[in-house]
N, C-alpha and C. Protein backbone atom coordinates (compact mmCIF):
# COMPACT_ATOMS: atom_id res chain seq x y z
N MET A 1 47.94 -8.99 -26.74
CA MET A 1 48.05 -7.76 -26.98
C MET A 1 46.77 -6.85 -26.35
N THR A 2 46.86 -5.72 -25.81
CA THR A 2 45.49 -5.17 -25.71
C THR A 2 45.06 -4.40 -26.87
N ASP A 3 43.80 -3.94 -26.90
CA ASP A 3 43.19 -3.31 -28.08
C ASP A 3 43.69 -1.74 -27.35
N PRO A 4 44.17 -1.31 -28.72
CA PRO A 4 44.69 0.38 -28.53
C PRO A 4 43.65 1.10 -28.12
N LEU A 5 42.26 0.57 -28.81
CA LEU A 5 41.25 1.61 -28.34
C LEU A 5 40.58 1.44 -27.10
N GLY A 6 41.01 0.50 -26.12
CA GLY A 6 40.33 0.11 -25.10
C GLY A 6 39.00 -0.37 -25.24
N SER A 7 38.54 -0.34 -23.93
CA SER A 7 37.01 -0.84 -23.92
C SER A 7 36.09 0.44 -23.68
N ALA A 8 36.54 1.39 -23.88
CA ALA A 8 35.68 2.63 -23.38
C ALA A 8 34.57 3.01 -24.60
N ASP A 9 34.89 2.56 -25.78
CA ASP A 9 33.76 2.75 -26.56
C ASP A 9 32.69 1.48 -26.98
N VAL A 10 32.87 0.68 -26.05
CA VAL A 10 31.82 -0.59 -25.92
C VAL A 10 30.89 -0.23 -25.26
N VAL A 11 29.72 -0.38 -25.96
CA VAL A 11 28.47 0.17 -25.49
C VAL A 11 27.69 -1.08 -24.89
N PRO A 12 27.02 -1.04 -23.57
CA PRO A 12 26.43 -2.00 -23.12
C PRO A 12 24.84 -2.43 -23.97
N THR A 13 24.48 -3.57 -23.91
CA THR A 13 23.48 -3.90 -24.90
C THR A 13 22.28 -4.24 -23.78
N GLY A 14 21.05 -4.48 -24.40
CA GLY A 14 19.95 -4.42 -23.70
C GLY A 14 19.67 -3.14 -23.02
N THR A 15 18.79 -3.34 -21.92
CA THR A 15 18.21 -2.15 -20.93
C THR A 15 19.52 -1.47 -20.44
N ALA A 16 20.50 -2.02 -20.06
CA ALA A 16 21.79 -1.45 -19.84
C ALA A 16 22.30 -0.48 -20.87
N GLY A 17 22.38 -0.70 -21.96
CA GLY A 17 22.85 0.39 -23.02
C GLY A 17 21.93 1.59 -22.97
N PHE A 18 20.56 1.51 -23.06
CA PHE A 18 19.69 2.33 -23.22
C PHE A 18 19.85 3.20 -21.80
N ASP A 19 19.97 2.42 -20.62
CA ASP A 19 19.93 3.13 -19.37
C ASP A 19 21.33 4.10 -19.31
N ALA A 20 22.06 3.59 -19.96
CA ALA A 20 23.71 4.24 -19.85
C ALA A 20 23.75 5.49 -20.77
N THR A 21 23.01 5.36 -21.81
CA THR A 21 23.32 6.28 -22.76
C THR A 21 21.89 7.21 -23.28
N GLY A 22 20.78 6.77 -22.83
CA GLY A 22 19.60 7.56 -23.43
C GLY A 22 19.13 7.46 -24.63
N ASP A 23 20.15 6.77 -25.51
CA ASP A 23 20.07 6.70 -27.12
C ASP A 23 18.63 6.04 -27.28
N ASP A 24 17.88 6.42 -28.06
CA ASP A 24 16.51 5.97 -28.57
C ASP A 24 16.56 4.62 -29.48
N THR A 25 17.78 4.75 -30.00
CA THR A 25 17.98 3.66 -30.97
C THR A 25 18.25 2.26 -30.10
N LEU A 26 18.60 2.49 -28.76
CA LEU A 26 18.78 1.51 -27.92
C LEU A 26 17.47 0.85 -27.09
N MET A 27 16.56 1.71 -27.51
CA MET A 27 15.17 1.84 -26.44
C MET A 27 14.96 0.14 -26.40
N PRO A 28 14.90 -0.40 -25.47
CA PRO A 28 14.47 -1.96 -25.32
C PRO A 28 12.95 -2.31 -25.82
N SER A 29 12.79 -3.39 -26.39
CA SER A 29 11.35 -3.92 -26.85
C SER A 29 10.68 -4.47 -25.90
N TRP A 30 9.44 -4.68 -26.07
CA TRP A 30 8.65 -5.43 -25.04
C TRP A 30 9.52 -6.87 -24.57
N ASP A 31 9.77 -7.48 -25.53
CA ASP A 31 10.31 -8.77 -25.33
C ASP A 31 11.79 -8.64 -24.58
N ASP A 32 12.38 -7.49 -24.84
CA ASP A 32 13.83 -7.19 -24.29
C ASP A 32 13.32 -7.09 -22.63
N LEU A 33 12.33 -6.10 -22.46
CA LEU A 33 12.05 -5.92 -21.03
C LEU A 33 11.64 -7.13 -20.38
N VAL A 34 10.79 -7.96 -20.89
CA VAL A 34 10.31 -9.26 -20.18
C VAL A 34 11.53 -10.30 -19.98
N ARG A 35 12.27 -10.34 -21.06
CA ARG A 35 13.53 -11.39 -21.14
C ARG A 35 14.44 -11.03 -19.79
N GLU A 36 14.85 -9.56 -19.60
CA GLU A 36 15.75 -9.26 -18.86
C GLU A 36 15.25 -8.94 -17.41
N HIS A 37 14.12 -8.87 -17.24
CA HIS A 37 13.56 -8.11 -15.95
C HIS A 37 12.26 -9.07 -15.29
N ALA A 38 11.65 -9.75 -16.10
CA ALA A 38 10.28 -10.47 -15.58
C ALA A 38 10.49 -11.16 -14.19
N ASP A 39 11.76 -12.00 -13.91
CA ASP A 39 11.84 -12.83 -13.00
C ASP A 39 12.05 -11.69 -11.76
N ARG A 40 12.91 -10.66 -11.87
CA ARG A 40 13.05 -9.85 -10.96
C ARG A 40 11.82 -9.00 -10.22
N VAL A 41 10.97 -8.43 -11.13
CA VAL A 41 9.74 -7.99 -10.96
C VAL A 41 8.98 -8.87 -10.53
N TYR A 42 8.68 -9.97 -10.96
CA TYR A 42 7.58 -10.99 -10.35
C TYR A 42 8.14 -11.24 -8.79
N ARG A 43 9.35 -11.69 -8.55
CA ARG A 43 9.80 -11.91 -7.14
C ARG A 43 9.45 -10.74 -6.27
N LEU A 44 9.71 -9.47 -6.64
CA LEU A 44 9.33 -8.36 -5.78
C LEU A 44 7.77 -8.08 -5.49
N ALA A 45 6.98 -8.41 -6.86
CA ALA A 45 5.52 -8.25 -7.04
C ALA A 45 5.02 -9.31 -5.87
N TYR A 46 5.55 -10.71 -5.77
CA TYR A 46 4.92 -11.86 -4.96
C TYR A 46 5.35 -11.40 -3.28
N ARG A 47 6.44 -10.87 -3.09
CA ARG A 47 6.84 -10.42 -1.76
C ARG A 47 6.04 -9.40 -1.29
N LEU A 48 5.77 -8.43 -2.29
CA LEU A 48 4.84 -7.49 -1.72
C LEU A 48 3.36 -7.79 -1.47
N SER A 49 2.82 -8.36 -2.47
CA SER A 49 1.49 -9.06 -2.39
C SER A 49 0.95 -10.17 -1.68
N GLY A 50 2.15 -11.17 -1.40
CA GLY A 50 1.95 -12.45 -0.79
C GLY A 50 1.03 -13.44 -1.54
N ASN A 51 0.65 -13.15 -2.65
CA ASN A 51 -0.18 -14.22 -3.52
C ASN A 51 0.42 -14.14 -4.99
N GLN A 52 0.09 -15.40 -5.65
CA GLN A 52 0.69 -15.69 -6.92
C GLN A 52 0.02 -14.75 -8.16
N HIS A 53 -1.62 -14.62 -7.88
CA HIS A 53 -2.44 -14.01 -8.62
C HIS A 53 -2.07 -12.53 -8.91
N ASP A 54 -2.01 -11.74 -7.45
CA ASP A 54 -1.70 -10.38 -7.47
C ASP A 54 -0.57 -10.10 -8.32
N ALA A 55 0.49 -11.05 -7.84
CA ALA A 55 2.06 -11.04 -8.32
C ALA A 55 2.16 -10.74 -9.91
N GLU A 56 1.36 -11.87 -10.42
CA GLU A 56 0.96 -11.99 -11.99
C GLU A 56 0.67 -10.58 -12.33
N ASP A 57 -0.58 -10.10 -11.89
CA ASP A 57 -1.11 -8.74 -12.28
C ASP A 57 -0.33 -7.57 -12.28
N LEU A 58 0.45 -7.58 -10.82
CA LEU A 58 1.26 -6.40 -10.82
C LEU A 58 2.45 -6.42 -11.85
N THR A 59 2.95 -7.74 -12.11
CA THR A 59 4.16 -7.70 -12.92
C THR A 59 3.45 -7.38 -14.18
N GLN A 60 2.55 -7.93 -14.81
CA GLN A 60 1.87 -7.32 -16.23
C GLN A 60 1.74 -5.69 -16.29
N GLU A 61 1.20 -5.22 -15.07
CA GLU A 61 1.01 -3.88 -15.09
C GLU A 61 2.16 -3.03 -14.92
N THR A 62 3.33 -3.44 -14.23
CA THR A 62 4.41 -2.91 -14.33
C THR A 62 5.14 -2.82 -15.77
N PHE A 63 5.06 -3.74 -16.69
CA PHE A 63 5.83 -3.82 -17.65
C PHE A 63 4.97 -2.99 -18.69
N ILE A 64 3.66 -2.86 -18.44
CA ILE A 64 2.95 -1.99 -19.39
C ILE A 64 3.23 -0.42 -19.00
N ARG A 65 3.26 -0.26 -17.67
CA ARG A 65 3.81 1.14 -17.51
C ARG A 65 5.13 1.60 -17.89
N VAL A 66 6.07 0.69 -17.59
CA VAL A 66 7.54 0.71 -18.06
C VAL A 66 7.53 1.04 -19.66
N PHE A 67 6.97 0.13 -20.53
CA PHE A 67 7.09 0.13 -21.79
C PHE A 67 6.54 1.71 -22.26
N ARG A 68 5.36 1.93 -21.76
CA ARG A 68 4.50 3.22 -22.24
C ARG A 68 5.41 4.30 -21.87
N SER A 69 6.17 4.38 -20.84
CA SER A 69 7.06 5.46 -20.39
C SER A 69 8.44 5.55 -20.78
N LEU A 70 8.85 4.48 -21.48
CA LEU A 70 10.53 4.57 -21.95
C LEU A 70 10.65 5.81 -22.84
N SER A 71 9.64 6.51 -23.51
CA SER A 71 10.19 7.48 -24.18
C SER A 71 10.51 8.67 -23.26
N ASN A 72 10.07 8.65 -22.08
CA ASN A 72 10.02 9.79 -21.12
C ASN A 72 11.23 9.71 -20.06
N TYR A 73 11.91 8.22 -20.21
CA TYR A 73 12.57 7.84 -19.21
C TYR A 73 14.08 8.76 -19.08
N LYS A 74 14.66 8.95 -17.98
CA LYS A 74 15.44 9.85 -18.05
C LYS A 74 16.81 8.82 -17.68
N PRO A 75 17.83 8.56 -18.04
CA PRO A 75 19.02 7.78 -17.96
C PRO A 75 19.43 7.76 -16.33
N GLY A 76 19.42 6.58 -15.73
CA GLY A 76 19.80 6.74 -14.19
C GLY A 76 20.02 5.28 -13.82
N THR A 77 19.07 4.91 -12.95
CA THR A 77 18.99 3.52 -12.44
C THR A 77 17.81 2.72 -13.06
N PHE A 78 18.10 2.01 -14.14
CA PHE A 78 16.75 1.50 -14.55
C PHE A 78 16.03 0.54 -13.42
N GLU A 79 17.05 -0.72 -12.65
CA GLU A 79 16.20 -1.23 -11.76
C GLU A 79 15.59 -0.42 -10.59
N GLY A 80 16.29 0.68 -10.31
CA GLY A 80 15.50 1.49 -9.24
C GLY A 80 14.27 1.78 -9.63
N TRP A 81 14.26 2.45 -11.25
CA TRP A 81 12.68 2.62 -11.60
C TRP A 81 11.62 1.38 -11.62
N LEU A 82 12.28 0.35 -11.77
CA LEU A 82 11.38 -0.95 -11.67
C LEU A 82 10.81 -0.92 -10.73
N HIS A 83 11.78 -1.03 -9.56
CA HIS A 83 11.20 -0.98 -8.09
C HIS A 83 10.18 -0.07 -7.73
N ARG A 84 10.63 1.28 -8.42
CA ARG A 84 9.63 2.16 -7.74
C ARG A 84 8.29 2.00 -8.54
N ILE A 85 8.25 1.56 -9.78
CA ILE A 85 6.84 1.40 -10.36
C ILE A 85 6.06 -0.05 -9.78
N THR A 86 6.90 -0.89 -9.45
CA THR A 86 6.14 -1.97 -8.91
C THR A 86 5.77 -2.02 -7.55
N THR A 87 6.45 -1.23 -6.89
CA THR A 87 5.84 -0.64 -5.36
C THR A 87 4.80 0.27 -5.35
N ASN A 88 4.90 1.32 -6.33
CA ASN A 88 3.83 2.24 -6.11
C ASN A 88 2.50 1.60 -6.78
N LEU A 89 2.68 0.87 -7.71
CA LEU A 89 1.40 -0.35 -8.08
C LEU A 89 0.79 -1.00 -7.21
N PHE A 90 1.68 -1.57 -6.25
CA PHE A 90 1.26 -2.43 -5.23
C PHE A 90 0.47 -1.82 -4.22
N LEU A 91 0.87 -0.41 -3.90
CA LEU A 91 0.54 0.46 -2.76
C LEU A 91 -0.92 1.00 -3.37
N ASP A 92 -1.10 1.19 -4.60
CA ASP A 92 -2.12 1.59 -5.50
C ASP A 92 -3.27 0.63 -5.12
N MET A 93 -2.93 -0.64 -5.31
CA MET A 93 -3.77 -1.81 -5.50
C MET A 93 -4.35 -1.98 -4.15
N VAL A 94 -3.62 -1.63 -3.10
CA VAL A 94 -3.96 -2.02 -1.44
C VAL A 94 -4.94 -0.94 -1.42
N ARG A 95 -4.70 0.60 -1.61
CA ARG A 95 -5.68 1.39 -1.47
C ARG A 95 -6.85 1.31 -1.94
N ARG A 96 -6.72 0.94 -3.27
CA ARG A 96 -8.25 0.67 -4.01
C ARG A 96 -8.88 -0.55 -3.41
N ARG A 97 -8.03 -1.86 -2.52
CA ARG A 97 -8.69 -2.78 -2.03
C ARG A 97 -9.33 -3.49 -3.05
N SER A 98 -8.85 -3.75 -4.16
CA SER A 98 -9.73 -4.34 -5.15
C SER A 98 -8.79 -4.95 -5.99
N LYS A 99 -8.87 -6.03 -7.06
CA LYS A 99 -8.00 -6.62 -7.64
C LYS A 99 -7.59 -5.69 -9.03
N ILE A 100 -6.38 -5.81 -9.29
CA ILE A 100 -5.94 -4.98 -10.72
C ILE A 100 -6.83 -5.50 -11.79
N ARG A 101 -7.43 -4.66 -12.58
CA ARG A 101 -8.21 -5.22 -13.62
C ARG A 101 -7.40 -4.70 -14.93
N MET A 102 -6.84 -5.70 -15.67
CA MET A 102 -6.03 -5.21 -16.74
C MET A 102 -6.91 -4.86 -17.94
N GLU A 103 -6.42 -3.66 -18.46
CA GLU A 103 -7.11 -2.96 -19.35
C GLU A 103 -6.82 -3.83 -20.85
N ALA A 104 -7.66 -3.61 -22.05
CA ALA A 104 -7.42 -4.41 -22.78
C ALA A 104 -6.11 -4.14 -23.62
N LEU A 105 -5.32 -4.75 -24.20
CA LEU A 105 -3.66 -4.32 -24.57
C LEU A 105 -3.92 -4.44 -25.94
N PRO A 106 -3.19 -3.43 -26.67
CA PRO A 106 -3.19 -3.37 -28.26
C PRO A 106 -2.30 -4.49 -28.48
N GLU A 107 -2.40 -4.81 -30.04
CA GLU A 107 -2.14 -6.00 -30.38
C GLU A 107 -0.60 -6.13 -30.03
N GLU A 108 0.41 -5.11 -30.09
CA GLU A 108 1.80 -5.42 -29.79
C GLU A 108 2.00 -5.80 -28.68
N TYR A 109 1.14 -5.62 -27.81
CA TYR A 109 1.62 -6.14 -26.12
C TYR A 109 1.27 -7.52 -26.15
N ASP A 110 2.32 -8.40 -25.62
CA ASP A 110 2.20 -9.74 -25.06
C ASP A 110 1.93 -9.96 -23.83
N ARG A 111 1.18 -10.91 -23.35
CA ARG A 111 1.24 -11.19 -22.04
C ARG A 111 2.44 -11.50 -21.74
N VAL A 112 2.74 -11.21 -20.23
CA VAL A 112 4.08 -11.72 -19.73
C VAL A 112 3.87 -13.15 -19.56
N PRO A 113 5.07 -13.86 -19.96
CA PRO A 113 5.11 -15.48 -20.04
C PRO A 113 4.64 -15.86 -18.77
N ALA A 114 3.72 -16.86 -18.48
CA ALA A 114 3.58 -17.52 -17.35
C ALA A 114 4.58 -18.53 -16.85
N ASP A 115 5.81 -18.23 -17.07
CA ASP A 115 6.97 -19.24 -16.66
C ASP A 115 7.61 -18.56 -15.66
N THR A 116 7.16 -17.64 -14.88
CA THR A 116 7.63 -17.27 -13.92
C THR A 116 7.86 -18.24 -12.60
N PRO A 117 8.82 -18.16 -11.77
CA PRO A 117 8.75 -19.19 -10.62
C PRO A 117 7.91 -19.10 -9.90
N ASP A 118 7.17 -20.57 -9.38
CA ASP A 118 6.24 -20.40 -8.54
C ASP A 118 6.54 -20.37 -7.10
N PRO A 119 5.34 -19.99 -6.24
CA PRO A 119 5.84 -19.38 -4.97
C PRO A 119 6.67 -20.17 -4.35
N GLN A 120 6.64 -21.50 -4.13
CA GLN A 120 7.42 -22.54 -3.66
C GLN A 120 9.09 -22.25 -4.10
N GLN A 121 9.18 -21.93 -5.16
CA GLN A 121 10.61 -21.64 -5.85
C GLN A 121 11.08 -20.45 -5.07
N ILE A 122 10.04 -19.35 -5.10
CA ILE A 122 10.68 -18.08 -4.66
C ILE A 122 10.99 -18.49 -3.06
N PHE A 123 10.28 -18.98 -2.47
CA PHE A 123 10.38 -19.08 -1.09
C PHE A 123 11.94 -19.87 -1.17
N HIS A 124 12.21 -21.07 -1.88
CA HIS A 124 13.45 -21.47 -2.01
C HIS A 124 14.57 -20.76 -2.39
N ASP A 125 14.34 -19.94 -3.30
CA ASP A 125 15.55 -18.91 -3.85
C ASP A 125 15.78 -18.01 -2.73
N ALA A 126 14.76 -17.35 -1.91
CA ALA A 126 15.25 -16.36 -1.06
C ALA A 126 15.23 -16.71 0.22
N ASN A 127 15.18 -18.12 0.56
CA ASN A 127 15.54 -18.78 1.88
C ASN A 127 14.44 -18.26 2.80
N LEU A 128 13.29 -18.12 2.53
CA LEU A 128 12.21 -17.78 3.46
C LEU A 128 11.34 -18.81 3.64
N ASP A 129 10.35 -18.94 4.59
CA ASP A 129 9.69 -19.91 4.90
C ASP A 129 7.97 -19.16 5.07
N PRO A 130 7.12 -19.73 4.58
CA PRO A 130 5.58 -19.27 4.78
C PRO A 130 5.29 -18.55 5.89
N ASP A 131 5.91 -18.90 7.28
CA ASP A 131 5.68 -18.05 8.48
C ASP A 131 6.40 -16.69 8.09
N LEU A 132 7.13 -16.35 7.57
CA LEU A 132 7.93 -15.14 7.31
C LEU A 132 6.82 -14.34 6.33
N GLN A 133 6.56 -15.27 5.18
CA GLN A 133 5.62 -14.43 4.39
C GLN A 133 4.21 -14.04 5.16
N GLU A 134 3.72 -14.95 5.90
CA GLU A 134 2.61 -14.55 6.82
C GLU A 134 2.81 -13.23 7.69
N ALA A 135 4.12 -13.32 8.18
CA ALA A 135 4.51 -12.12 8.79
C ALA A 135 4.43 -10.88 8.18
N LEU A 136 5.29 -10.98 6.85
CA LEU A 136 5.07 -9.75 6.12
C LEU A 136 3.64 -9.25 5.48
N ASP A 137 2.71 -10.26 5.30
CA ASP A 137 1.49 -9.84 4.79
C ASP A 137 0.72 -9.31 5.93
N ALA A 138 1.09 -9.57 7.41
CA ALA A 138 0.31 -8.86 8.44
C ALA A 138 0.63 -7.51 8.55
N LEU A 139 1.81 -6.83 7.80
CA LEU A 139 2.32 -5.83 8.09
C LEU A 139 1.43 -4.61 7.18
N PRO A 140 1.18 -3.45 8.11
CA PRO A 140 0.53 -2.32 6.89
C PRO A 140 1.35 -2.19 5.54
N PRO A 141 0.81 -1.92 4.41
CA PRO A 141 1.27 -1.94 3.21
C PRO A 141 2.61 -1.12 3.17
N GLU A 142 2.51 -0.01 3.51
CA GLU A 142 3.78 0.77 3.82
C GLU A 142 5.09 0.31 4.58
N PHE A 143 4.48 -0.57 5.68
CA PHE A 143 5.81 -0.98 6.24
C PHE A 143 6.28 -2.29 5.32
N ARG A 144 5.54 -3.02 4.91
CA ARG A 144 5.77 -4.15 4.22
C ARG A 144 6.55 -3.71 2.98
N ALA A 145 6.46 -2.55 2.23
CA ALA A 145 7.15 -2.50 1.16
C ALA A 145 8.58 -1.88 1.57
N ALA A 146 8.54 -0.96 2.87
CA ALA A 146 9.99 -0.81 3.25
C ALA A 146 10.70 -1.83 3.85
N VAL A 147 10.26 -2.79 4.49
CA VAL A 147 10.91 -4.13 4.62
C VAL A 147 11.45 -4.81 3.73
N VAL A 148 10.72 -5.06 2.78
CA VAL A 148 11.00 -6.14 1.51
C VAL A 148 12.09 -5.38 0.69
N LEU A 149 11.83 -3.99 0.49
CA LEU A 149 12.81 -3.21 -0.38
C LEU A 149 14.29 -3.34 0.45
N CYS A 150 14.08 -3.19 1.77
CA CYS A 150 15.28 -3.04 2.80
C CYS A 150 16.16 -4.81 3.00
N ASP A 151 15.15 -5.43 3.44
CA ASP A 151 15.69 -6.74 3.81
C ASP A 151 15.74 -7.73 2.86
N ILE A 152 14.94 -7.71 1.78
CA ILE A 152 14.96 -8.94 0.78
C ILE A 152 15.65 -8.16 -0.42
N GLU A 153 15.22 -7.05 -0.82
CA GLU A 153 15.94 -6.68 -1.93
C GLU A 153 17.06 -5.71 -2.13
N GLY A 154 17.49 -5.52 -0.70
CA GLY A 154 18.97 -5.02 -0.59
C GLY A 154 19.22 -3.48 -0.95
N LEU A 155 17.94 -2.83 -1.12
CA LEU A 155 18.01 -1.26 -1.17
C LEU A 155 18.59 -0.76 0.16
N SER A 156 19.01 0.48 -0.02
CA SER A 156 19.41 1.26 1.04
C SER A 156 18.32 2.18 1.41
N TYR A 157 18.51 2.85 2.54
CA TYR A 157 17.25 3.78 3.13
C TYR A 157 17.28 4.66 1.92
N GLU A 158 18.34 5.30 1.46
CA GLU A 158 18.39 6.75 0.73
C GLU A 158 17.50 5.90 -0.47
N GLU A 159 17.79 4.90 -1.38
CA GLU A 159 16.84 4.36 -2.27
C GLU A 159 15.54 4.35 -2.17
N ILE A 160 15.57 3.82 -0.83
CA ILE A 160 14.01 3.33 -0.61
C ILE A 160 13.24 4.77 -0.33
N SER A 161 13.81 5.61 0.13
CA SER A 161 13.03 7.08 0.34
C SER A 161 12.61 7.43 -1.12
N THR A 162 13.51 7.28 -1.89
CA THR A 162 13.41 7.66 -3.35
C THR A 162 12.05 6.75 -3.91
N THR A 163 12.30 5.41 -3.64
CA THR A 163 11.12 4.83 -4.46
C THR A 163 9.75 4.79 -3.61
N LEU A 164 9.83 5.16 -2.59
CA LEU A 164 8.62 5.38 -1.67
C LEU A 164 8.10 6.96 -1.63
N GLY A 165 8.90 7.65 -2.16
CA GLY A 165 8.69 9.11 -2.19
C GLY A 165 8.44 9.81 -0.63
N VAL A 166 9.17 9.20 0.36
CA VAL A 166 9.17 9.65 1.86
C VAL A 166 10.47 9.98 2.27
N LYS A 167 10.46 10.62 3.51
CA LYS A 167 11.56 11.19 4.14
C LYS A 167 12.26 10.05 4.52
N LEU A 168 13.67 10.18 4.77
CA LEU A 168 14.42 9.20 5.10
C LEU A 168 14.17 8.66 6.61
N GLY A 169 13.46 9.88 7.54
CA GLY A 169 13.18 9.48 8.88
C GLY A 169 11.98 8.36 8.83
N THR A 170 11.05 8.57 7.83
CA THR A 170 10.04 7.93 7.72
C THR A 170 10.60 6.42 7.58
N VAL A 171 11.56 6.22 6.45
CA VAL A 171 11.53 5.00 5.78
C VAL A 171 12.30 4.46 7.14
N ARG A 172 13.21 4.98 7.87
CA ARG A 172 13.70 4.33 9.08
C ARG A 172 12.80 3.85 9.99
N SER A 173 11.49 4.41 10.37
CA SER A 173 10.75 4.62 11.30
C SER A 173 9.73 3.23 10.87
N ARG A 174 9.48 3.06 9.55
CA ARG A 174 8.69 2.06 9.06
C ARG A 174 9.62 0.86 8.84
N ILE A 175 10.83 0.97 8.89
CA ILE A 175 11.51 -0.46 8.66
C ILE A 175 11.78 -0.98 10.11
N HIS A 176 12.02 0.05 11.12
CA HIS A 176 12.32 -0.36 12.37
C HIS A 176 10.89 -1.05 12.99
N ARG A 177 9.97 -0.54 12.92
CA ARG A 177 8.55 -0.76 13.40
C ARG A 177 8.21 -2.28 12.81
N GLY A 178 8.36 -2.27 11.38
CA GLY A 178 8.13 -3.32 10.59
C GLY A 178 8.92 -4.68 11.02
N ARG A 179 10.12 -4.39 11.39
CA ARG A 179 10.95 -5.61 11.69
C ARG A 179 10.73 -5.92 13.04
N GLN A 180 10.39 -5.28 13.98
CA GLN A 180 9.80 -5.46 15.33
C GLN A 180 8.72 -6.49 15.33
N THR A 181 7.65 -6.00 14.65
CA THR A 181 6.52 -6.57 14.42
C THR A 181 6.75 -7.96 13.90
N ILE A 182 7.74 -8.12 12.70
CA ILE A 182 7.99 -9.46 12.20
C ILE A 182 8.70 -10.54 13.38
N ARG A 183 9.65 -9.87 14.00
CA ARG A 183 10.07 -10.53 14.91
C ARG A 183 9.35 -11.15 16.16
N ASP A 184 8.50 -10.29 16.42
CA ASP A 184 7.44 -10.76 17.53
C ASP A 184 6.57 -11.70 17.00
N HIS A 185 5.96 -11.52 15.79
CA HIS A 185 5.27 -12.70 15.01
C HIS A 185 5.87 -14.06 15.03
N LEU A 186 7.26 -14.04 14.56
CA LEU A 186 7.90 -15.42 14.21
C LEU A 186 8.48 -15.94 15.59
N ILE A 187 8.81 -15.15 16.45
CA ILE A 187 9.11 -15.91 17.75
C ILE A 187 7.67 -16.06 18.55
N ALA A 188 6.39 -16.00 18.47
CA ALA A 188 5.27 -16.51 18.87
C ALA A 188 5.23 -17.84 18.03
N ARG A 189 5.53 -17.96 17.03
CA ARG A 189 5.51 -19.04 16.33
C ARG A 189 6.61 -20.18 16.35
N GLY A 190 7.77 -19.64 17.50
CA GLY A 190 8.37 -20.78 17.44
C GLY A 190 9.98 -20.51 16.80
N HIS A 191 9.95 -19.50 16.19
CA HIS A 191 11.30 -19.10 15.38
C HIS A 191 12.37 -18.60 16.48
N THR A 192 13.40 -19.03 16.63
CA THR A 192 14.51 -18.25 17.43
C THR A 192 15.84 -18.14 17.02
N GLY A 193 16.18 -18.89 15.90
CA GLY A 193 17.28 -18.72 15.40
C GLY A 193 17.59 -18.59 14.00
N SER A 194 16.58 -18.53 13.29
CA SER A 194 16.57 -18.67 11.83
C SER A 194 16.92 -17.54 11.01
N ARG A 195 16.96 -17.51 9.65
CA ARG A 195 17.13 -16.30 9.11
C ARG A 195 15.99 -15.39 9.12
N SER A 196 14.50 -15.80 9.21
CA SER A 196 13.43 -15.24 9.30
C SER A 196 13.70 -14.05 10.48
N VAL A 197 14.00 -14.60 11.61
CA VAL A 197 14.18 -13.81 12.98
C VAL A 197 15.21 -12.90 12.48
N ALA A 198 16.27 -13.34 11.79
CA ALA A 198 17.60 -12.41 11.54
C ALA A 198 16.99 -11.13 10.92
N ILE A 199 16.09 -11.34 9.88
CA ILE A 199 15.61 -10.36 9.13
C ILE A 199 14.43 -9.37 10.08
N GLY A 200 13.91 -9.90 11.17
CA GLY A 200 13.27 -9.34 11.81
C GLY A 200 14.04 -8.36 13.06
N SER A 201 15.28 -8.99 13.14
CA SER A 201 16.02 -8.23 14.09
C SER A 201 17.32 -7.45 13.31
N ALA A 202 17.17 -7.06 12.23
CA ALA A 202 18.30 -6.59 11.19
C ALA A 202 18.27 -5.09 11.82
N HIS A 203 19.41 -4.47 11.55
CA HIS A 203 19.56 -3.27 11.95
C HIS A 203 20.66 -2.33 11.04
């Protein structure tokens, strides 16, 4: 027998509940954020930075930024917000051309656990190989961010435009030129039929 009240009154739990309602009583804790989103944020940070050290720093800084901004967050797309913060922190890091230095954390902050997937596991999970990561690393940071968000994270051009804060035409141009550069890089290394080249040839 079906519930006469239906399921409309069921409130999602975790960050999904907070995102759906904006209810401050559902605001996630630091542990909630890390448990639900650490793997996803680390994976994006690694794809953008190309190395484990910077990926760990970017992940930590992303969660600090998110946690401190929760009270000002407007319900919408929480994962998109995470994408935007992670990507912007990466671009800031590149512009400074120096390692992100973590500020001293108050006692209530805990370091993001170091049990995130290692680089080899990330390569396996995403079906990418070191040559593709090398090709990504060789791209200008803005192009790399656009390609990673589109072809690896699966965001639409419109979502990438919002994440990067640039016009749709700029997104299309960066992705097109980035893919072409990746394709040329991979073909020069003997990749002709792999998914790596498929990413470089996507449209």
